[in-house]
Amino acid sequence: MSQHFTLLIVGGGAAGVSVANNMRRQNPTIAIGLVEPSEKHYYQPGFTIIGGGAYTLKQATRNEKDLIHPSVTWLKEYADTFQPDTNSVTLRSGATVSYDYLVVCPGLQLDWDKIKGLKETLGKNNVCSNYSVDHVEYTWTTIQSLQSGTALFTQPPMPIKCAGAPQKIMYLAADRFRKKGILDKFNIEFFTATPGMFGIPFFAKALNKVVADYGIKPNFNSNLIAVDGENKTATFEVTEGDKKTQITKKFDMIHITPPQSAPDFIKKSPLANAAGWVDVHPKTLQHNKYSNIFGLGDATSTPNAKTAAAVRKQVPIVVDNILNIMNAKAVAEKYDGYGSCPLTTSLSTVMLAEFAYDGKVTPSFPLLDPRANRFIWWLGKTFGFPWLYWQIMIKGYRIDIPNKESYAKSFLNKE
């Protein structure tokens, strides 16, 4: 038996639920369907501070059913294949669902199996990851248990969701050790497959100072390829020009960020570009081939930071552009690539990095140096931003705090 919806949404995370509820507030009558198999919904930006002992998993968890507007039909299934030429989606159960408009936002896939030995040891042997809902609390358990030794933190090749997260937990751990008076008993190293601390030099320079303050050793162009939890060893592939070598490091603790990619069912679909991402226009978020399909969130081809802050900006653009098409209007090129990364530099400070396409620094608050580590943004990270997520964005309300390159000009000139 097939169902038909005016708007069908694949993915019920931050993007999917927000689009469904936002569209319902804009149009109270159209039939909306949401495909999402998970019964639990997580505030993933909170996982960093869960791992750092400043938040709980319970605080970051809601029931999916409590978030979706009652007039939206929740299809608690996995999407399997897309048939865009016939405007239909086939679910894993074999049922087909047809649509007039489709929004695709299934999030990222965590490729744990790309690191040899990781699946076997994750969640024990002091091998932890804030990227796993099953093991995020183990990060805090591990940090609490250590009194000295070598602590490694890893970052895979881009793109990943929240590119700052691999180093955020490192700073929280270092600050925990400092507050206990044992920081000098640790060798903390950051191994990243990227060539610097952050993709935007303006913030990278500021983060270099944070790293130096904690005595952390950064290792660039170094990608984790294997971990042996029982023997406490990690193997990295180090790239220097055209040359690749392997090194093995001993550890007492390792926090691992897994490689990430578009979900396999997206990669294999006619909606994907050559790299496997949902192929959308970077400013309209409309599919480049199928005009009645839109994508947003982590699974799209847009070269912005994959963060909840990006989703907050993308949702009204997608909803309004679908309504534009319904009303025979042109789609609007409104998304500027905005993303935000609240970098937790200690247990009481955050550097609020905001930026757009082409690495433009675009703060939302004038007069404040974006590179400064501020307590006010720590309050945002622990209280304000979760409230904004659950009470505004997810419920389909709109709040647009303008982000402007001009706000950063005076600080860029001081570099």
Protein backbone atom coordinates (compact mmCIF):
# COMPACT_ATOMS: atom_id res chain seq x y z
CA MET A 1 0.00 0.00 0.00
CA SER A 2 1.48 3.36 -1.02
CA GLN A 3 0.99 6.75 0.61
CA HIS A 4 1.23 10.19 -0.94
CA PHE A 5 2.36 13.44 0.67
CA THR A 6 2.64 16.97 -0.62
CA LEU A 7 5.93 17.14 1.26
CA LEU A 8 7.96 14.07 2.15
CA ILE A 9 11.02 14.43 4.40
CA VAL A 10 13.69 11.73 4.67
CA GLY A 11 15.52 12.07 7.96
CA GLY A 12 14.16 13.08 11.35
CA GLY A 13 17.16 14.68 13.01
CA ALA A 14 17.69 18.39 13.58
CA ALA A 15 17.02 19.26 9.92
CA GLY A 16 14.08 16.95 9.24
CA VAL A 17 11.99 17.71 12.32
CA SER A 18 12.69 21.43 11.99
CA VAL A 19 11.61 21.48 8.33
CA ALA A 20 8.42 19.52 9.11
CA ASN A 21 7.39 21.78 11.99
CA ASN A 22 8.49 24.98 10.22
CA MET A 23 6.51 24.09 7.11
CA ARG A 24 3.48 23.29 9.24
CA ARG A 25 3.63 26.76 10.77
CA GLN A 26 3.82 28.30 7.29
CA ASN A 27 1.14 26.08 5.74
CA PRO A 28 -1.39 24.42 8.08
CA THR A 29 -3.05 22.20 5.47
CA ILE A 30 -0.56 20.35 3.25
CA ALA A 31 0.10 16.67 3.90
CA ILE A 32 3.58 16.17 5.40
CA GLY A 33 5.30 12.83 5.88
CA LEU A 34 8.54 12.23 7.82
CA VAL A 35 10.63 9.09 7.35
CA GLU A 36 12.77 8.34 10.43
CA PRO A 37 13.41 4.98 12.14
CA SER A 38 14.79 6.26 15.47
CA GLU A 39 12.57 6.67 18.51
CA LYS A 40 15.09 8.85 20.33
CA HIS A 41 16.30 12.30 19.27
CA TYR A 42 19.62 13.61 20.54
CA TYR A 43 20.96 17.13 20.92
CA GLN A 44 24.31 16.19 19.41
CA PRO A 45 26.08 19.52 20.07
CA GLY A 46 25.80 18.56 23.74
CA PHE A 47 27.88 15.40 23.33
CA THR A 48 31.15 17.32 23.76
CA ILE A 49 30.20 18.58 27.21
CA ILE A 50 28.74 15.18 28.16
CA GLY A 51 32.16 13.70 27.48
CA GLY A 52 33.69 16.54 29.49
CA GLY A 53 31.46 15.92 32.49
CA ALA A 54 29.47 19.16 32.26
CA TYR A 55 26.19 17.74 30.87
CA THR A 56 24.28 14.47 30.90
CA LEU A 57 22.95 12.24 28.14
CA LYS A 58 19.51 12.50 29.71
CA GLN A 59 19.60 16.28 29.25
CA ALA A 60 20.44 15.79 25.56
CA THR A 61 17.71 13.21 24.83
CA ARG A 62 14.05 13.51 23.84
CA ASN A 63 11.47 11.12 22.42
CA GLU A 64 11.10 11.67 18.68
CA LYS A 65 7.31 11.40 18.90
CA ASP A 66 7.18 14.34 21.29
CA LEU A 67 8.96 16.62 18.82
CA ILE A 68 6.93 16.03 15.64
CA HIS A 69 3.79 18.11 15.13
CA PRO A 70 0.76 15.81 15.56
CA SER A 71 -0.50 16.64 12.07
CA VAL A 72 2.75 15.33 10.50
CA THR A 73 2.69 11.63 9.60
CA TRP A 74 5.69 9.84 11.11
CA LEU A 75 6.80 6.85 9.03
CA LYS A 76 8.99 4.96 11.51
CA GLU A 77 11.07 3.23 8.85
CA TYR A 78 14.32 3.45 6.92
CA ALA A 79 14.33 4.95 3.44
CA ASP A 80 15.99 2.55 1.01
CA THR A 81 15.93 3.87 -2.57
CA PHE A 82 14.84 6.98 -4.44
CA GLN A 83 12.92 7.10 -7.72
CA PRO A 84 12.98 10.83 -8.49
CA ASP A 85 11.65 10.38 -12.04
CA THR A 86 8.41 9.02 -10.59
CA ASN A 87 8.48 11.15 -7.42
CA SER A 88 8.64 8.22 -5.05
CA VAL A 89 10.77 6.70 -2.29
CA THR A 90 10.93 3.01 -1.46
CA LEU A 91 11.24 2.12 2.20
CA ARG A 92 13.21 -0.82 3.58
CA SER A 93 9.91 -2.63 4.23
CA GLY A 94 9.20 -2.53 0.49
CA ALA A 95 6.45 0.07 0.75
CA THR A 96 6.59 3.04 -1.60
CA VAL A 97 5.77 6.62 -0.72
CA SER A 98 5.09 9.27 -3.35
CA TYR A 99 5.46 13.02 -3.03
CA ASP A 100 5.09 16.36 -4.74
CA TYR A 101 8.16 17.75 -2.97
CA LEU A 102 10.98 15.88 -1.29
CA VAL A 103 13.46 17.07 1.36
CA VAL A 104 16.48 14.84 1.97
CA CYS A 105 18.37 15.27 5.26
CA PRO A 106 19.46 11.90 6.71
CA GLY A 107 22.65 13.19 8.33
CA LEU A 108 26.11 11.66 8.16
CA GLN A 109 27.29 8.08 8.37
CA LEU A 110 29.97 7.25 10.95
CA ASP A 111 32.44 4.85 9.35
CA TRP A 112 33.82 3.13 12.45
CA ASP A 113 35.03 0.15 10.43
CA LYS A 114 37.52 2.29 8.50
CA ILE A 115 39.80 2.24 11.56
CA LYS A 116 41.15 -1.27 12.09
CA GLY A 117 40.36 -2.68 15.53
CA LEU A 118 38.15 0.22 16.63
CA LYS A 119 34.83 -1.60 16.81
CA GLU A 120 36.34 -4.30 19.01
CA THR A 121 37.74 -1.89 21.61
CA LEU A 122 35.48 1.18 21.59
CA GLY A 123 33.99 1.77 25.02
CA LYS A 124 36.73 -0.10 26.90
CA ASN A 125 40.51 -0.02 27.35
CA ASN A 126 40.22 3.78 27.66
CA VAL A 127 39.25 4.02 23.97
CA CYS A 128 36.39 6.50 23.77
CA SER A 129 34.44 8.70 21.36
CA ASN A 130 31.93 11.50 21.87
CA TYR A 131 30.56 10.68 18.41
CA SER A 132 28.90 7.50 19.71
CA VAL A 133 25.69 7.86 21.70
CA ASP A 134 26.46 4.46 23.25
CA HIS A 135 29.92 5.49 24.43
CA VAL A 136 29.86 9.27 24.96
CA GLU A 137 29.49 8.82 28.74
CA TYR A 138 32.53 6.51 28.74
CA THR A 139 34.66 9.48 27.69
CA TRP A 140 33.89 11.15 31.01
CA THR A 141 34.49 7.88 32.89
CA THR A 142 37.90 7.61 31.23
CA ILE A 143 38.92 11.21 31.94
CA GLN A 144 37.95 10.82 35.61
CA SER A 145 39.98 7.62 36.00
CA LEU A 146 43.30 8.98 34.77
CA GLN A 147 45.95 10.48 37.04
CA SER A 148 48.84 10.61 34.54
CA GLY A 149 50.01 9.30 31.17
CA THR A 150 49.59 9.88 27.45
CA ALA A 151 46.22 11.09 26.16
CA LEU A 152 45.69 11.13 22.41
CA PHE A 153 42.90 12.89 20.52
CA THR A 154 42.27 12.25 16.81
CA GLN A 155 40.57 13.91 13.86
CA PRO A 156 39.99 12.16 10.50
CA PRO A 157 39.97 13.70 7.02
CA MET A 158 37.20 16.22 6.35
CA PRO A 159 34.30 16.52 6.06
CA ILE A 160 32.99 15.61 9.49
CA LYS A 161 30.15 16.95 11.57
CA CYS A 162 31.30 19.74 13.86
CA ALA A 163 34.91 19.99 12.79
CA GLY A 164 35.86 21.54 16.12
CA ALA A 165 34.53 18.67 18.26
CA PRO A 166 37.70 16.51 18.13
CA GLN A 167 39.69 19.28 19.84
CA LYS A 168 36.91 20.60 22.10
CA ILE A 169 36.98 17.46 24.25
CA MET A 170 40.78 17.68 24.38
CA TYR A 171 40.61 21.14 25.97
CA LEU A 172 37.95 20.01 28.45
CA ALA A 173 40.08 17.03 29.46
CA ALA A 174 43.19 19.22 29.81
CA ASP A 175 41.28 21.70 31.95
CA ARG A 176 39.99 18.85 34.15
CA PHE A 177 43.57 17.70 34.65
CA ARG A 178 44.69 21.27 35.36
CA LYS A 179 41.98 21.79 37.96
CA LYS A 180 43.09 18.56 39.69
CA GLY A 181 46.69 19.80 39.66
CA ILE A 182 47.92 16.93 37.48
CA LEU A 183 48.20 18.49 34.02
CA ASP A 184 51.99 18.36 34.20
CA LYS A 185 51.77 14.57 34.58
CA PHE A 186 50.19 14.20 31.12
CA ASN A 187 51.50 14.10 27.60
CA ILE A 188 48.55 15.30 25.50
CA GLU A 189 48.80 15.04 21.72
CA PHE A 190 46.39 15.95 18.93
CA PHE A 191 46.61 13.90 15.74
CA THR A 192 44.68 15.41 12.86
CA ALA A 193 44.55 14.47 9.19
CA THR A 194 44.23 18.17 8.39
CA PRO A 195 47.17 20.59 7.90
CA GLY A 196 46.22 22.92 10.79
CA MET A 197 44.20 23.35 13.98
CA PHE A 198 41.22 24.83 12.11
CA GLY A 199 40.24 25.38 8.51
CA ILE A 200 40.03 29.17 8.91
CA PRO A 201 43.40 30.79 9.69
CA PHE A 202 41.79 33.59 11.75
CA PHE A 203 40.63 31.02 14.31
CA ALA A 204 43.53 28.59 13.82
CA LYS A 205 46.00 31.21 15.10
CA ALA A 206 43.91 31.75 18.23
CA LEU A 207 43.61 28.00 18.82
CA ASN A 208 47.38 27.61 18.51
CA LYS A 209 47.60 29.75 21.66
CA VAL A 210 45.09 27.52 23.47
CA VAL A 211 47.10 24.44 22.52
CA ALA A 212 50.33 26.04 23.73
CA ASP A 213 48.75 27.09 27.03
CA TYR A 214 47.86 23.48 27.85
CA GLY A 215 51.19 22.14 26.59
CA ILE A 216 49.47 20.05 23.92
CA LYS A 217 51.53 18.75 21.01
CA PRO A 218 49.72 18.97 17.64
CA ASN A 219 50.54 16.46 14.88
CA PHE A 220 49.23 17.53 11.48
CA ASN A 221 48.56 15.41 8.38
CA SER A 222 48.35 12.38 10.67
CA ASN A 223 45.39 10.04 10.15
CA LEU A 224 44.48 7.24 12.58
CA ILE A 225 44.23 3.93 10.69
CA ALA A 226 44.34 1.31 13.47
CA VAL A 227 43.94 0.98 17.22
CA ASP A 228 44.83 -1.91 19.56
CA GLY A 229 42.98 -1.31 22.80
CA GLU A 230 44.44 -4.21 24.77
CA ASN A 231 48.02 -3.19 24.01
CA LYS A 232 47.17 0.53 24.11
CA THR A 233 48.70 1.39 20.73
CA ALA A 234 47.45 3.60 17.89
CA THR A 235 48.79 3.56 14.33
CA PHE A 236 48.76 6.69 12.19
CA GLU A 237 49.46 7.32 8.52
CA VAL A 238 51.51 10.50 8.23
CA THR A 239 51.56 12.42 4.94
CA GLU A 240 54.52 14.62 4.03
CA GLY A 241 54.18 15.82 0.46
CA ASP A 242 53.96 12.71 -1.73
CA LYS A 243 55.42 10.51 0.99
CA LYS A 244 53.31 8.44 3.39
CA THR A 245 54.73 6.73 6.46
CA GLN A 246 53.24 4.93 9.43
CA ILE A 247 53.96 5.59 13.10
CA THR A 248 52.69 3.82 16.22
CA LYS A 249 52.03 5.62 19.50
CA LYS A 250 51.41 4.20 22.97
CA PHE A 251 48.53 5.70 24.93
CA ASP A 252 46.79 5.59 28.28
CA MET A 253 43.67 7.17 26.78
CA ILE A 254 42.58 7.86 23.23
CA HIS A 255 39.54 9.84 22.07
CA ILE A 256 38.71 8.93 18.49
CA THR A 257 36.67 10.84 15.94
CA PRO A 258 35.61 8.33 13.25
CA PRO A 259 35.81 8.95 9.50
CA GLN A 260 32.47 10.14 8.13
CA SER A 261 30.65 10.12 4.81
CA ALA A 262 27.22 10.39 3.26
CA PRO A 263 24.99 7.41 4.13
CA ASP A 264 25.44 4.47 1.77
CA PHE A 265 21.82 4.64 0.54
CA ILE A 266 22.48 8.25 -0.50
CA LYS A 267 25.80 7.41 -2.20
CA LYS A 268 24.06 4.78 -4.33
CA SER A 269 21.10 6.98 -5.21
CA PRO A 270 20.42 9.14 -8.29
CA LEU A 271 20.39 12.15 -5.95
CA ALA A 272 24.12 11.94 -5.23
CA ASN A 273 27.00 13.74 -6.90
CA ALA A 274 30.25 11.94 -7.77
CA ALA A 275 31.45 12.22 -4.15
CA GLY A 276 28.25 10.68 -2.79
CA TRP A 277 26.57 13.78 -1.34
CA VAL A 278 23.04 15.02 -2.10
CA ASP A 279 23.73 17.31 -5.06
CA VAL A 280 22.19 20.70 -4.27
CA HIS A 281 22.73 24.32 -5.24
CA PRO A 282 24.87 25.94 -2.51
CA LYS A 283 22.63 29.00 -2.10
CA THR A 284 19.11 27.72 -2.82
CA LEU A 285 19.58 24.14 -1.48
CA GLN A 286 17.51 22.93 -4.44
CA HIS A 287 18.68 19.74 -6.14
CA ASN A 288 20.73 20.48 -9.23
CA LYS A 289 18.77 18.02 -11.39
CA TYR A 290 15.37 17.54 -9.77
CA SER A 291 13.66 20.88 -9.10
CA ASN A 292 11.12 19.50 -6.61
CA ILE A 293 13.82 18.03 -4.36
CA PHE A 294 15.79 19.90 -1.72
CA GLY A 295 18.54 18.88 0.67
CA LEU A 296 19.97 20.34 3.84
CA GLY A 297 22.05 19.36 6.84
CA ASP A 298 25.09 17.12 6.91
CA ALA A 299 24.40 14.93 3.85
CA THR A 300 24.45 17.66 1.21
CA SER A 301 27.17 18.74 -1.20
CA THR A 302 27.29 22.31 0.17
CA PRO A 303 30.84 23.15 1.36
CA ASN A 304 29.78 24.67 4.68
CA ALA A 305 30.56 23.46 8.20
CA LYS A 306 28.25 20.57 9.10
CA THR A 307 26.71 21.98 12.28
CA ALA A 308 23.30 22.50 13.90
CA ALA A 309 23.84 26.24 13.49
CA ALA A 310 24.03 25.73 9.72
CA VAL A 311 20.76 23.79 9.83
CA ARG A 312 19.08 26.65 11.74
CA LYS A 313 19.89 28.98 8.84
CA GLN A 314 19.05 26.44 6.13
CA VAL A 315 15.58 25.39 7.35
CA PRO A 316 13.63 28.59 6.52
CA ILE A 317 15.41 28.85 3.16
CA VAL A 318 14.31 25.34 2.17
CA VAL A 319 10.76 25.85 3.44
CA ASP A 320 10.37 29.22 1.72
CA ASN A 321 11.80 27.93 -1.57
CA ILE A 322 9.36 25.03 -1.61
CA LEU A 323 6.54 27.50 -0.98
CA ASN A 324 7.97 29.70 -3.75
CA ILE A 325 7.72 26.84 -6.23
CA MET A 326 4.19 26.03 -5.07
CA ASN A 327 3.26 29.65 -5.79
CA ALA A 328 5.05 29.73 -9.16
CA LYS A 329 7.78 32.02 -7.84
CA ALA A 330 11.54 31.78 -8.34
CA VAL A 331 13.66 30.12 -5.69
CA ALA A 332 15.82 32.52 -3.68
CA GLU A 333 19.60 32.28 -3.32
CA LYS A 334 19.75 33.09 0.38
CA TYR A 335 22.08 30.62 2.08
CA ASP A 336 25.53 32.14 2.54
CA GLY A 337 27.19 29.02 3.98
CA TYR A 338 26.82 30.13 7.60
CA GLY A 339 28.05 27.74 10.24
CA SER A 340 29.03 28.12 13.85
CA CYS A 341 31.42 26.17 16.05
CA PRO A 342 31.35 27.04 19.76
CA LEU A 343 34.87 25.87 20.64
CA THR A 344 34.97 24.85 24.31
CA THR A 345 38.47 25.99 25.28
CA SER A 346 37.98 25.27 29.00
CA LEU A 347 35.27 24.30 31.48
CA SER A 348 34.18 27.94 31.65
CA THR A 349 35.10 29.49 28.29
CA VAL A 350 34.09 29.16 24.65
CA MET A 351 35.48 30.72 21.48
CA LEU A 352 32.44 31.32 19.26
CA ALA A 353 33.68 30.72 15.71
CA GLU A 354 31.15 31.84 13.09
CA PHE A 355 31.88 31.77 9.39
CA ALA A 356 30.40 31.40 5.91
CA TYR A 357 31.42 30.19 2.45
CA ASP A 358 35.01 30.82 1.37
CA GLY A 359 36.17 31.02 4.97
CA LYS A 360 34.61 34.44 5.58
CA VAL A 361 34.43 35.31 9.27
CA THR A 362 30.82 36.36 9.88
CA PRO A 363 30.02 36.97 13.58
CA SER A 364 26.50 37.57 14.84
CA PHE A 365 27.61 40.01 17.51
CA PRO A 366 29.34 43.32 16.74
CA LEU A 367 32.15 44.78 18.88
CA LEU A 368 33.13 41.36 20.30
CA ASP A 369 36.40 39.80 19.13
CA PRO A 370 35.36 36.36 17.79
CA ARG A 371 38.71 34.89 18.88
CA ALA A 372 38.20 35.70 22.56
CA ASN A 373 37.49 32.89 25.02
CA ARG A 374 34.40 34.06 26.87
CA PHE A 375 32.32 32.83 29.81
CA ILE A 376 29.14 34.19 28.18
CA TRP A 377 29.53 31.70 25.33
CA TRP A 378 30.07 28.88 27.86
CA LEU A 379 26.65 29.79 29.26
CA GLY A 380 25.40 29.71 25.68
CA LYS A 381 26.90 26.26 25.10
CA THR A 382 25.47 24.77 28.29
CA PHE A 383 22.13 26.61 28.56
CA GLY A 384 21.32 29.07 25.76
CA PHE A 385 22.03 27.04 22.65
CA PRO A 386 20.21 23.88 23.89
CA TRP A 387 17.19 26.06 24.72
CA LEU A 388 17.34 27.63 21.26
CA TYR A 389 17.46 24.13 19.73
CA TRP A 390 14.58 22.52 21.66
CA GLN A 391 12.28 25.51 22.12
CA ILE A 392 12.76 27.48 18.90
CA MET A 393 14.38 25.59 16.02
CA ILE A 394 12.93 22.11 16.52
CA LYS A 395 9.45 23.52 17.18
CA GLY A 396 9.50 25.29 13.82
CA TYR A 397 9.81 28.85 15.04
CA ARG A 398 12.11 31.26 13.25
CA ILE A 399 14.77 33.40 14.80
CA ASP A 400 17.34 35.02 12.56
CA ILE A 401 20.31 36.69 14.20
CA PRO A 402 22.12 38.42 11.31
CA ASN A 403 25.73 37.34 10.80
CA LYS A 404 27.87 39.95 9.08
CA GLU A 405 31.38 40.01 7.70
CA SER A 406 31.57 43.70 8.61
CA TYR A 407 31.40 42.81 12.32
CA ALA A 408 34.77 41.08 12.02
CA LYS A 409 36.55 43.67 9.85
CA SER A 410 38.28 45.58 12.64
CA PHE A 411 39.55 42.35 14.21
CA LEU A 412 40.77 40.97 10.89
CA ASN A 413 42.71 44.18 10.38
CA LYS A 414 44.50 43.65 13.71
CA GLU A 415 45.94 40.29 12.69
